[in-house]
Amino acid sequence: MSEIVEPKPQFCYVTKDAVLAALDDPDPANPIAIEIAGLVTAYTSNFQDHVKRLGYIPADLLRVQPRWPIEAIAMSLTTEAIRETVAQTVLPASAAKPLANKERKC
């Protein structure tokens, strides 16, 4: 079941510049970077649950509109990671073979 995901209150009004700076910070204890990682993990988990329920990957990965800069960046990172993973998925040879006209359903 999908969970409601939102940043902790202290991170809601962190500026976009501060979020981007936190991503570049080499300190693994950076609290903003830790919050972003938590958001990305939760968004990914929700997306995986959604795909399991649907049985396919929907065209719109994350349709929720971000309310704060930290959410926008975390959603963007999540979407990018999902798209890269899907792009790297190798289809079996039989699935990649195009169907003859008579075999096509549409």
PDB file of N, CA and C in Angstrom:
ATOM      1  N   MET A   1       0.843  -1.179   0.000  1.00  0.00           N
ATOM      2  CA  MET A   1       0.000   0.000   0.000  1.00  0.00           C
ATOM      3  C   MET A   1       0.887   1.241   0.000  1.00  0.00           C
ATOM      4  N   SER A   2       0.542   2.194  -0.824  1.00  0.00           N
ATOM      5  CA  SER A   2       1.308   3.436  -0.896  1.00  0.00           C
ATOM      6  C   SER A   2       1.138   4.252   0.375  1.00  0.00           C
ATOM      7  N   GLU A   3       2.211   4.921   0.722  1.00  0.00           N
ATOM      8  CA  GLU A   3       2.170   5.770   1.905  1.00  0.00           C
ATOM      9  C   GLU A   3       2.210   7.233   1.480  1.00  0.00           C
ATOM     10  N   ILE A   4       1.691   8.095   2.317  1.00  0.00           N
ATOM     11  CA  ILE A   4       1.785   9.529   2.063  1.00  0.00           C
ATOM     12  C   ILE A   4       3.216   9.937   2.339  1.00  0.00           C
ATOM     13  N   VAL A   5       3.816  10.592   1.358  1.00  0.00           N
ATOM     14  CA  VAL A   5       5.216  10.978   1.475  1.00  0.00           C
ATOM     15  C   VAL A   5       5.305  12.494   1.462  1.00  0.00           C
ATOM     16  N   GLU A   6       5.951  13.026   2.469  1.00  0.00           N
ATOM     17  CA  GLU A   6       6.220  14.457   2.502  1.00  0.00           C
ATOM     18  C   GLU A   6       7.446  14.698   3.368  1.00  0.00           C
ATOM     19  N   PRO A   7       8.149  15.779   3.088  1.00  0.00           N
ATOM     20  CA  PRO A   7       9.341  16.048   3.886  1.00  0.00           C
ATOM     21  C   PRO A   7       8.974  16.407   5.320  1.00  0.00           C
ATOM     22  N   LYS A   8       9.929  16.212   6.200  1.00  0.00           N
ATOM     23  CA  LYS A   8       9.734  16.652   7.583  1.00  0.00           C
ATOM     24  C   LYS A   8       9.566  18.172   7.570  1.00  0.00           C
ATOM     25  N   PRO A   9       8.793  18.706   8.498  1.00  0.00           N
ATOM     26  CA  PRO A   9       8.484  20.152   8.490  1.00  0.00           C
ATOM     27  C   PRO A   9       9.708  21.061   8.391  1.00  0.00           C
ATOM     28  N   GLN A  10      10.808  20.693   9.016  1.00  0.00           N
ATOM     29  CA  GLN A  10      11.980  21.565   8.996  1.00  0.00           C
ATOM     30  C   GLN A  10      12.619  21.665   7.609  1.00  0.00           C
ATOM     31  N   PHE A  11      12.215  20.795   6.668  1.00  0.00           N
ATOM     32  CA  PHE A  11      12.796  20.827   5.330  1.00  0.00           C
ATOM     33  C   PHE A  11      11.850  21.413   4.274  1.00  0.00           C
ATOM     34  N   CYS A  12      10.641  21.741   4.654  1.00  0.00           N
ATOM     35  CA  CYS A  12       9.652  22.200   3.678  1.00  0.00           C
ATOM     36  C   CYS A  12      10.046  23.504   2.985  1.00  0.00           C
ATOM     37  N   TYR A  13      10.677  24.374   3.677  1.00  0.00           N
ATOM     38  CA  TYR A  13      10.970  25.681   3.086  1.00  0.00           C
ATOM     39  C   TYR A  13      12.453  25.891   2.798  1.00  0.00           C
ATOM     40  N   VAL A  14      13.186  24.792   2.705  1.00  0.00           N
ATOM     41  CA  VAL A  14      14.585  24.864   2.288  1.00  0.00           C
ATOM     42  C   VAL A  14      14.577  25.272   0.815  1.00  0.00           C
ATOM     43  N   THR A  15      15.425  26.197   0.454  1.00  0.00           N
ATOM     44  CA  THR A  15      15.440  26.694  -0.928  1.00  0.00           C
ATOM     45  C   THR A  15      16.004  25.646  -1.881  1.00  0.00           C
ATOM     46  N   LYS A  16      15.697  25.825  -3.147  1.00  0.00           N
ATOM     47  CA  LYS A  16      16.221  24.936  -4.183  1.00  0.00           C
ATOM     48  C   LYS A  16      17.746  24.949  -4.170  1.00  0.00           C
ATOM     49  N   ASP A  17      18.333  26.138  -4.029  1.00  0.00           N
ATOM     50  CA  ASP A  17      19.799  26.244  -3.996  1.00  0.00           C
ATOM     51  C   ASP A  17      20.390  25.452  -2.833  1.00  0.00           C
ATOM     52  N   ALA A  18      19.740  25.506  -1.682  1.00  0.00           N
ATOM     53  CA  ALA A  18      20.231  24.765  -0.515  1.00  0.00           C
ATOM     54  C   ALA A  18      20.108  23.255  -0.731  1.00  0.00           C
ATOM     55  N   VAL A  19      19.045  22.836  -1.390  1.00  0.00           N
ATOM     56  CA  VAL A  19      18.863  21.412  -1.681  1.00  0.00           C
ATOM     57  C   VAL A  19      19.956  20.943  -2.643  1.00  0.00           C
ATOM     58  N   LEU A  20      20.195  21.715  -3.703  1.00  0.00           N
ATOM     59  CA  LEU A  20      21.227  21.350  -4.669  1.00  0.00           C
ATOM     60  C   LEU A  20      22.612  21.345  -4.027  1.00  0.00           C
ATOM     61  N   ALA A  21      22.857  22.313  -3.143  1.00  0.00           N
ATOM     62  CA  ALA A  21      24.140  22.350  -2.426  1.00  0.00           C
ATOM     63  C   ALA A  21      24.296  21.113  -1.548  1.00  0.00           C
ATOM     64  N   ALA A  22      23.222  20.681  -0.919  1.00  0.00           N
ATOM     65  CA  ALA A  22      23.276  19.493  -0.066  1.00  0.00           C
ATOM     66  C   ALA A  22      23.614  18.250  -0.885  1.00  0.00           C
ATOM     67  N   LEU A  23      23.127  18.183  -2.113  1.00  0.00           N
ATOM     68  CA  LEU A  23      23.438  17.042  -2.968  1.00  0.00           C
ATOM     69  C   LEU A  23      24.913  17.007  -3.359  1.00  0.00           C
ATOM     70  N   ASP A  24      25.532  18.179  -3.414  1.00  0.00           N
ATOM     71  CA  ASP A  24      26.958  18.269  -3.747  1.00  0.00           C
ATOM     72  C   ASP A  24      27.866  18.147  -2.519  1.00  0.00           C
ATOM     73  N   ASP A  25      27.284  18.186  -1.335  1.00  0.00           N
ATOM     74  CA  ASP A  25      28.061  18.132  -0.100  1.00  0.00           C
ATOM     75  C   ASP A  25      28.595  16.714   0.113  1.00  0.00           C
ATOM     76  N   PRO A  26      29.910  16.563   0.287  1.00  0.00           N
ATOM     77  CA  PRO A  26      30.472  15.221   0.496  1.00  0.00           C
ATOM     78  C   PRO A  26      30.174  14.626   1.876  1.00  0.00           C
ATOM     79  N   ASP A  27      29.640  15.435   2.784  1.00  0.00           N
ATOM     80  CA  ASP A  27      29.347  14.969   4.141  1.00  0.00           C
ATOM     81  C   ASP A  27      28.129  14.038   4.128  1.00  0.00           C
ATOM     82  N   PRO A  28      28.297  12.747   4.427  1.00  0.00           N
ATOM     83  CA  PRO A  28      27.167  11.823   4.415  1.00  0.00           C
ATOM     84  C   PRO A  28      26.151  12.098   5.522  1.00  0.00           C
ATOM     85  N   ALA A  29      26.506  12.962   6.463  1.00  0.00           N
ATOM     86  CA  ALA A  29      25.589  13.295   7.556  1.00  0.00           C
ATOM     87  C   ALA A  29      24.808  14.580   7.283  1.00  0.00           C
ATOM     88  N   ASN A  30      24.897  15.102   6.065  1.00  0.00           N
ATOM     89  CA  ASN A  30      24.160  16.325   5.732  1.00  0.00           C
ATOM     90  C   ASN A  30      22.660  16.043   5.890  1.00  0.00           C
ATOM     91  N   PRO A  31      21.976  16.748   6.781  1.00  0.00           N
ATOM     92  CA  PRO A  31      20.572  16.433   7.061  1.00  0.00           C
ATOM     93  C   PRO A  31      19.648  16.639   5.858  1.00  0.00           C
ATOM     94  N   ILE A  32      19.952  17.606   5.010  1.00  0.00           N
ATOM     95  CA  ILE A  32      19.106  17.823   3.824  1.00  0.00           C
ATOM     96  C   ILE A  32      19.291  16.661   2.850  1.00  0.00           C
ATOM     97  N   ALA A  33      20.522  16.241   2.641  1.00  0.00           N
ATOM     98  CA  ALA A  33      20.785  15.111   1.748  1.00  0.00           C
ATOM     99  C   ALA A  33      20.138  13.830   2.283  1.00  0.00           C
ATOM    100  N   ILE A  34      20.171  13.655   3.584  1.00  0.00           N
ATOM    101  CA  ILE A  34      19.535  12.485   4.198  1.00  0.00           C
ATOM    102  C   ILE A  34      18.029  12.527   3.963  1.00  0.00           C
ATOM    103  N   GLU A  35      17.435  13.710   4.084  1.00  0.00           N
ATOM    104  CA  GLU A  35      15.994  13.850   3.849  1.00  0.00           C
ATOM    105  C   GLU A  35      15.654  13.550   2.392  1.00  0.00           C
ATOM    106  N   ILE A  36      16.473  14.032   1.469  1.00  0.00           N
ATOM    107  CA  ILE A  36      16.245  13.757   0.046  1.00  0.00           C
ATOM    108  C   ILE A  36      16.301  12.252  -0.205  1.00  0.00           C
ATOM    109  N   ALA A  37      17.304  11.593   0.357  1.00  0.00           N
ATOM    110  CA  ALA A  37      17.430  10.140   0.190  1.00  0.00           C
ATOM    111  C   ALA A  37      16.192   9.417   0.719  1.00  0.00           C
ATOM    112  N   GLY A  38      15.681   9.866   1.850  1.00  0.00           N
ATOM    113  CA  GLY A  38      14.474   9.260   2.410  1.00  0.00           C
ATOM    114  C   GLY A  38      13.261   9.461   1.517  1.00  0.00           C
ATOM    115  N   LEU A  39      13.140  10.668   0.951  1.00  0.00           N
ATOM    116  CA  LEU A  39      12.025  10.945   0.037  1.00  0.00           C
ATOM    117  C   LEU A  39      12.123  10.081  -1.218  1.00  0.00           C
ATOM    118  N   VAL A  40      13.313  10.013  -1.797  1.00  0.00           N
ATOM    119  CA  VAL A  40      13.505   9.209  -3.009  1.00  0.00           C
ATOM    120  C   VAL A  40      13.180   7.739  -2.730  1.00  0.00           C
ATOM    121  N   THR A  41      13.614   7.243  -1.596  1.00  0.00           N
ATOM    122  CA  THR A  41      13.326   5.852  -1.217  1.00  0.00           C
ATOM    123  C   THR A  41      11.817   5.628  -1.086  1.00  0.00           C
ATOM    124  N   ALA A  42      11.133   6.541  -0.441  1.00  0.00           N
ATOM    125  CA  ALA A  42       9.682   6.403  -0.254  1.00  0.00           C
ATOM    126  C   ALA A  42       8.933   6.530  -1.577  1.00  0.00           C
ATOM    127  N   TYR A  43       9.330   7.486  -2.427  1.00  0.00           N
ATOM    128  CA  TYR A  43       8.684   7.634  -3.738  1.00  0.00           C
ATOM    129  C   TYR A  43       8.881   6.371  -4.569  1.00  0.00           C
ATOM    130  N   THR A  44      10.093   5.822  -4.532  1.00  0.00           N
ATOM    131  CA  THR A  44      10.391   4.609  -5.301  1.00  0.00           C
ATOM    132  C   THR A  44       9.564   3.436  -4.794  1.00  0.00           C
ATOM    133  N   SER A  45       9.454   3.301  -3.495  1.00  0.00           N
ATOM    134  CA  SER A  45       8.646   2.232  -2.910  1.00  0.00           C
ATOM    135  C   SER A  45       7.183   2.367  -3.324  1.00  0.00           C
ATOM    136  N   ASN A  46       6.650   3.583  -3.264  1.00  0.00           N
ATOM    137  CA  ASN A  46       5.265   3.805  -3.683  1.00  0.00           C
ATOM    138  C   ASN A  46       5.075   3.457  -5.153  1.00  0.00           C
ATOM    139  N   PHE A  47       6.060   3.841  -5.988  1.00  0.00           N
ATOM    140  CA  PHE A  47       5.957   3.550  -7.407  1.00  0.00           C
ATOM    141  C   PHE A  47       5.985   2.036  -7.650  1.00  0.00           C
ATOM    142  N   GLN A  48       6.870   1.328  -6.956  1.00  0.00           N
ATOM    143  CA  GLN A  48       6.938  -0.125  -7.102  1.00  0.00           C
ATOM    144  C   GLN A  48       5.620  -0.771  -6.692  1.00  0.00           C
ATOM    145  N   ASP A  49       5.016  -0.310  -5.613  1.00  0.00           N
ATOM    146  CA  ASP A  49       3.718  -0.829  -5.186  1.00  0.00           C
ATOM    147  C   ASP A  49       2.656  -0.571  -6.244  1.00  0.00           C
ATOM    148  N   HIS A  50       2.699   0.623  -6.829  1.00  0.00           N
ATOM    149  CA  HIS A  50       1.729   0.999  -7.863  1.00  0.00           C
ATOM    150  C   HIS A  50       1.872   0.094  -9.089  1.00  0.00           C
ATOM    151  N   VAL A  51       3.102  -0.155  -9.505  1.00  0.00           N
ATOM    152  CA  VAL A  51       3.355  -1.015 -10.662  1.00  0.00           C
ATOM    153  C   VAL A  51       2.871  -2.438 -10.379  1.00  0.00           C
ATOM    154  N   LYS A  52       3.100  -2.931  -9.174  1.00  0.00           N
ATOM    155  CA  LYS A  52       2.632  -4.274  -8.813  1.00  0.00           C
ATOM    156  C   LYS A  52       1.111  -4.362  -8.900  1.00  0.00           C
ATOM    157  N   ARG A  53       0.432  -3.314  -8.432  1.00  0.00           N
ATOM    158  CA  ARG A  53      -1.039  -3.313  -8.487  1.00  0.00           C
ATOM    159  C   ARG A  53      -1.534  -3.253  -9.930  1.00  0.00           C
ATOM    160  N   LEU A  54      -0.895  -2.416 -10.761  1.00  0.00           N
ATOM    161  CA  LEU A  54      -1.325  -2.251 -12.149  1.00  0.00           C
ATOM    162  C   LEU A  54      -0.916  -3.419 -13.034  1.00  0.00           C
ATOM    163  N   GLY A  55       0.270  -3.944 -12.788  1.00  0.00           N
ATOM    164  CA  GLY A  55       0.802  -4.996 -13.632  1.00  0.00           C
ATOM    165  C   GLY A  55       1.614  -4.469 -14.809  1.00  0.00           C
ATOM    166  N   TYR A  56       1.811  -3.162 -14.880  1.00  0.00           N
ATOM    167  CA  TYR A  56       2.636  -2.561 -15.927  1.00  0.00           C
ATOM    168  C   TYR A  56       3.168  -1.225 -15.422  1.00  0.00           C
ATOM    169  N   ILE A  57       4.111  -0.678 -16.177  1.00  0.00           N
ATOM    170  CA  ILE A  57       4.690   0.612 -15.800  1.00  0.00           C
ATOM    171  C   ILE A  57       3.895   1.715 -16.487  1.00  0.00           C
ATOM    172  N   PRO A  58       3.255   2.593 -15.724  1.00  0.00           N
ATOM    173  CA  PRO A  58       2.464   3.667 -16.330  1.00  0.00           C
ATOM    174  C   PRO A  58       3.361   4.715 -16.993  1.00  0.00           C
ATOM    175  N   ALA A  59       2.816   5.406 -17.993  1.00  0.00           N
ATOM    176  CA  ALA A  59       3.569   6.439 -18.712  1.00  0.00           C
ATOM    177  C   ALA A  59       3.933   7.601 -17.792  1.00  0.00           C
ATOM    178  N   ASP A  60       3.017   7.992 -16.930  1.00  0.00           N
ATOM    179  CA  ASP A  60       3.287   9.073 -15.979  1.00  0.00           C
ATOM    180  C   ASP A  60       3.871   8.459 -14.721  1.00  0.00           C
ATOM    181  N   LEU A  61       5.154   8.706 -14.510  1.00  0.00           N
ATOM    182  CA  LEU A  61       5.811   8.071 -13.369  1.00  0.00           C
ATOM    183  C   LEU A  61       5.350   8.640 -12.043  1.00  0.00           C
ATOM    184  N   LEU A  62       5.457   9.942 -11.893  1.00  0.00           N
ATOM    185  CA  LEU A  62       5.031  10.596 -10.653  1.00  0.00           C
ATOM    186  C   LEU A  62       4.115  11.749 -11.032  1.00  0.00           C
ATOM    187  N   ARG A  63       2.839  11.576 -10.804  1.00  0.00           N
ATOM    188  CA  ARG A  63       1.880  12.602 -11.201  1.00  0.00           C
ATOM    189  C   ARG A  63       1.592  13.608 -10.096  1.00  0.00           C
ATOM    190  N   VAL A  64       2.128  13.401  -8.935  1.00  0.00           N
ATOM    191  CA  VAL A  64       1.906  14.308  -7.816  1.00  0.00           C
ATOM    192  C   VAL A  64       2.692  15.602  -8.058  1.00  0.00           C
ATOM    193  N   GLN A  65       2.064  16.731  -7.825  1.00  0.00           N
ATOM    194  CA  GLN A  65       2.749  18.007  -7.969  1.00  0.00           C
ATOM    195  C   GLN A  65       3.509  18.338  -6.684  1.00  0.00           C
ATOM    196  N   PRO A  66       4.787  18.630  -6.807  1.00  0.00           N
ATOM    197  CA  PRO A  66       5.557  18.963  -5.606  1.00  0.00           C
ATOM    198  C   PRO A  66       5.099  20.282  -4.996  1.00  0.00           C
ATOM    199  N   ARG A  67       5.156  20.347  -3.684  1.00  0.00           N
ATOM    200  CA  ARG A  67       4.761  21.573  -2.977  1.00  0.00           C
ATOM    201  C   ARG A  67       5.961  22.396  -2.556  1.00  0.00           C
ATOM    202  N   TRP A  68       7.103  21.743  -2.386  1.00  0.00           N
ATOM    203  CA  TRP A  68       8.301  22.410  -1.902  1.00  0.00           C
ATOM    204  C   TRP A  68       9.479  22.042  -2.784  1.00  0.00           C
ATOM    205  N   PRO A  69      10.521  22.886  -2.801  1.00  0.00           N
ATOM    206  CA  PRO A  69      11.695  22.594  -3.631  1.00  0.00           C
ATOM    207  C   PRO A  69      12.323  21.228  -3.345  1.00  0.00           C
ATOM    208  N   ILE A  70      12.376  20.827  -2.098  1.00  0.00           N
ATOM    209  CA  ILE A  70      12.980  19.536  -1.768  1.00  0.00           C
ATOM    210  C   ILE A  70      12.174  18.391  -2.379  1.00  0.00           C
ATOM    211  N   GLU A  71      10.858  18.525  -2.428  1.00  0.00           N
ATOM    212  CA  GLU A  71      10.030  17.498  -3.062  1.00  0.00           C
ATOM    213  C   GLU A  71      10.262  17.477  -4.570  1.00  0.00           C
ATOM    214  N   ALA A  72      10.335  18.649  -5.192  1.00  0.00           N
ATOM    215  CA  ALA A  72      10.532  18.715  -6.642  1.00  0.00           C
ATOM    216  C   ALA A  72      11.830  18.023  -7.042  1.00  0.00           C
ATOM    217  N   ILE A  73      12.887  18.283  -6.306  1.00  0.00           N
ATOM    218  CA  ILE A  73      14.182  17.687  -6.633  1.00  0.00           C
ATOM    219  C   ILE A  73      14.167  16.186  -6.346  1.00  0.00           C
ATOM    220  N   ALA A  74      13.594  15.778  -5.234  1.00  0.00           N
ATOM    221  CA  ALA A  74      13.524  14.350  -4.908  1.00  0.00           C
ATOM    222  C   ALA A  74      12.676  13.598  -5.937  1.00  0.00           C
ATOM    223  N   MET A  75      11.571  14.195  -6.379  1.00  0.00           N
ATOM    224  CA  MET A  75      10.733  13.555  -7.399  1.00  0.00           C
ATOM    225  C   MET A  75      11.476  13.461  -8.729  1.00  0.00           C
ATOM    226  N   SER A  76      12.206  14.497  -9.073  1.00  0.00           N
ATOM    227  CA  SER A  76      12.985  14.489 -10.305  1.00  0.00           C
ATOM    228  C   SER A  76      14.051  13.394 -10.266  1.00  0.00           C
ATOM    229  N   LEU A  77      14.748  13.268  -9.155  1.00  0.00           N
ATOM    230  CA  LEU A  77      15.767  12.222  -9.005  1.00  0.00           C
ATOM    231  C   LEU A  77      15.140  10.830  -9.084  1.00  0.00           C
ATOM    232  N   THR A  78      13.979  10.664  -8.477  1.00  0.00           N
ATOM    233  CA  THR A  78      13.279   9.379  -8.509  1.00  0.00           C
ATOM    234  C   THR A  78      12.875   9.028  -9.934  1.00  0.00           C
ATOM    235  N   THR A  79      12.271   9.986 -10.622  1.00  0.00           N
ATOM    236  CA  THR A  79      11.833   9.757 -12.000  1.00  0.00           C
ATOM    237  C   THR A  79      13.014   9.406 -12.898  1.00  0.00           C
ATOM    238  N   GLU A  80      14.108  10.129 -12.735  1.00  0.00           N
ATOM    239  CA  GLU A  80      15.315   9.869 -13.522  1.00  0.00           C
ATOM    240  C   GLU A  80      15.837   8.458 -13.258  1.00  0.00           C
ATOM    241  N   ALA A  81      15.885   8.056 -12.007  1.00  0.00           N
ATOM    242  CA  ALA A  81      16.381   6.718 -11.658  1.00  0.00           C
ATOM    243  C   ALA A  81      15.476   5.634 -12.231  1.00  0.00           C
ATOM    244  N   ILE A  82      14.168   5.829 -12.162  1.00  0.00           N
ATOM    245  CA  ILE A  82      13.234   4.834 -12.700  1.00  0.00           C
ATOM    246  C   ILE A  82      13.397   4.734 -14.212  1.00  0.00           C
ATOM    247  N   ARG A  83      13.459   5.878 -14.884  1.00  0.00           N
ATOM    248  CA  ARG A  83      13.622   5.860 -16.349  1.00  0.00           C
ATOM    249  C   ARG A  83      14.925   5.191 -16.764  1.00  0.00           C
ATOM    250  N   GLU A  84      16.004   5.447 -16.046  1.00  0.00           N
ATOM    251  CA  GLU A  84      17.290   4.803 -16.363  1.00  0.00           C
ATOM    252  C   GLU A  84      17.202   3.296 -16.164  1.00  0.00           C
ATOM    253  N   THR A  85      16.523   2.880 -15.104  1.00  0.00           N
ATOM    254  CA  THR A  85      16.379   1.449 -14.833  1.00  0.00           C
ATOM    255  C   THR A  85      15.560   0.774 -15.922  1.00  0.00           C
ATOM    256  N   VAL A  86      14.469   1.419 -16.318  1.00  0.00           N
ATOM    257  CA  VAL A  86      13.621   0.857 -17.369  1.00  0.00           C
ATOM    258  C   VAL A  86      14.383   0.799 -18.685  1.00  0.00           C
ATOM    259  N   ALA A  87      15.150   1.833 -19.003  1.00  0.00           N
ATOM    260  CA  ALA A  87      15.916   1.876 -20.249  1.00  0.00           C
ATOM    261  C   ALA A  87      16.982   0.788 -20.294  1.00  0.00           C
ATOM    262  N   GLN A  88      17.496   0.394 -19.144  1.00  0.00           N
ATOM    263  CA  GLN A  88      18.545  -0.624 -19.086  1.00  0.00           C
ATOM    264  C   GLN A  88      17.985  -2.040 -19.097  1.00  0.00           C
ATOM    265  N   THR A  89      16.678  -2.174 -18.956  1.00  0.00           N
ATOM    266  CA  THR A  89      16.058  -3.484 -18.935  1.00  0.00           C
ATOM    267  C   THR A  89      16.199  -4.116 -20.318  1.00  0.00           C
ATOM    268  N   VAL A  90      16.722  -5.306 -20.337  1.00  0.00           N
ATOM    269  CA  VAL A  90      16.919  -6.015 -21.605  1.00  0.00           C
ATOM    270  C   VAL A  90      15.772  -6.988 -21.790  1.00  0.00           C
ATOM    271  N   LEU A  91      15.098  -6.870 -22.941  1.00  0.00           N
ATOM    272  CA  LEU A  91      14.007  -7.780 -23.247  1.00  0.00           C
ATOM    273  C   LEU A  91      14.577  -9.107 -23.749  1.00  0.00           C
ATOM    274  N   PRO A  92      13.919 -10.223 -23.441  1.00  0.00           N
ATOM    275  CA  PRO A  92      14.345 -11.499 -24.013  1.00  0.00           C
ATOM    276  C   PRO A  92      14.201 -11.430 -25.538  1.00  0.00           C
ATOM    277  N   ALA A  93      14.985 -12.204 -26.255  1.00  0.00           N
ATOM    278  CA  ALA A  93      14.972 -12.165 -27.718  1.00  0.00           C
ATOM    279  C   ALA A  93      13.575 -12.389 -28.273  1.00  0.00           C
ATOM    280  N   SER A  94      12.803 -13.279 -27.686  1.00  0.00           N
ATOM    281  CA  SER A  94      11.455 -13.550 -28.203  1.00  0.00           C
ATOM    282  C   SER A  94      10.532 -12.356 -28.024  1.00  0.00           C
ATOM    283  N   ALA A  95      10.722 -11.570 -26.961  1.00  0.00           N
ATOM    284  CA  ALA A  95       9.872 -10.408 -26.724  1.00  0.00           C
ATOM    285  C   ALA A  95      10.256  -9.255 -27.639  1.00  0.00           C
ATOM    286  N   ALA A  96      11.511  -9.195 -28.045  1.00  0.00           N
ATOM    287  CA  ALA A  96      11.982  -8.101 -28.884  1.00  0.00           C
ATOM    288  C   ALA A  96      11.635  -8.315 -30.343  1.00  0.00           C
ATOM    289  N   LYS A  97      11.307  -9.551 -30.734  1.00  0.00           N
ATOM    290  CA  LYS A  97      10.987  -9.872 -32.120  1.00  0.00           C
ATOM    291  C   LYS A  97       9.663  -9.227 -32.507  1.00  0.00           C
ATOM    292  N   PRO A  98       9.632  -8.432 -33.606  1.00  0.00           N
ATOM    293  CA  PRO A  98       8.369  -7.812 -34.002  1.00  0.00           C
ATOM    294  C   PRO A  98       7.387  -8.860 -34.503  1.00  0.00           C
ATOM    295  N   LEU A  99       6.124  -8.608 -34.264  1.00  0.00           N
ATOM    296  CA  LEU A  99       5.085  -9.532 -34.713  1.00  0.00           C
ATOM    297  C   LEU A  99       4.811  -9.319 -36.195  1.00  0.00           C
ATOM    298  N   ALA A 100       4.500 -10.396 -36.888  1.00  0.00           N
ATOM    299  CA  ALA A 100       4.068 -10.282 -38.281  1.00  0.00           C
ATOM    300  C   ALA A 100       2.719  -9.591 -38.280  1.00  0.00           C
ATOM    301  N   ASN A 101       2.356  -8.949 -39.398  1.00  0.00           N
ATOM    302  CA  ASN A 101       1.098  -8.217 -39.489  1.00  0.00           C
ATOM    303  C   ASN A 101      -0.091  -9.038 -39.036  1.00  0.00           C
ATOM    304  N   LYS A 102      -0.137 -10.302 -39.427  1.00  0.00           N
ATOM    305  CA  LYS A 102      -1.289 -11.140 -39.063  1.00  0.00           C
ATOM    306  C   LYS A 102      -1.342 -11.424 -37.561  1.00  0.00           C
ATOM    307  N   GLU A 103      -0.207 -11.306 -36.869  1.00  0.00           N
ATOM    308  CA  GLU A 103      -0.173 -11.571 -35.436  1.00  0.00           C
ATOM    309  C   GLU A 103      -0.517 -10.359 -34.592  1.00  0.00           C
ATOM    310  N   ARG A 104      -0.466  -9.195 -35.159  1.00  0.00           N
ATOM    311  CA  ARG A 104      -0.687  -7.970 -34.393  1.00  0.00           C
ATOM    312  C   ARG A 104      -2.144  -7.853 -33.970  1.00  0.00           C
ATOM    313  N   LYS A 105      -2.328  -7.350 -32.772  1.00  0.00           N
ATOM    314  CA  LYS A 105      -3.678  -7.198 -32.227  1.00  0.00           C
ATOM    315  C   LYS A 105      -4.286  -5.843 -32.575  1.00  0.00           C
ATOM    316  N   CYS A 106      -3.466  -4.859 -32.977  1.00  0.00           N
ATOM    317  CA  CYS A 106      -4.020  -3.550 -33.296  1.00  0.00           C
ATOM    318  C   CYS A 106      -3.468  -3.013 -34.599  1.00  0.00           C
TER     319      CYS A 106
END
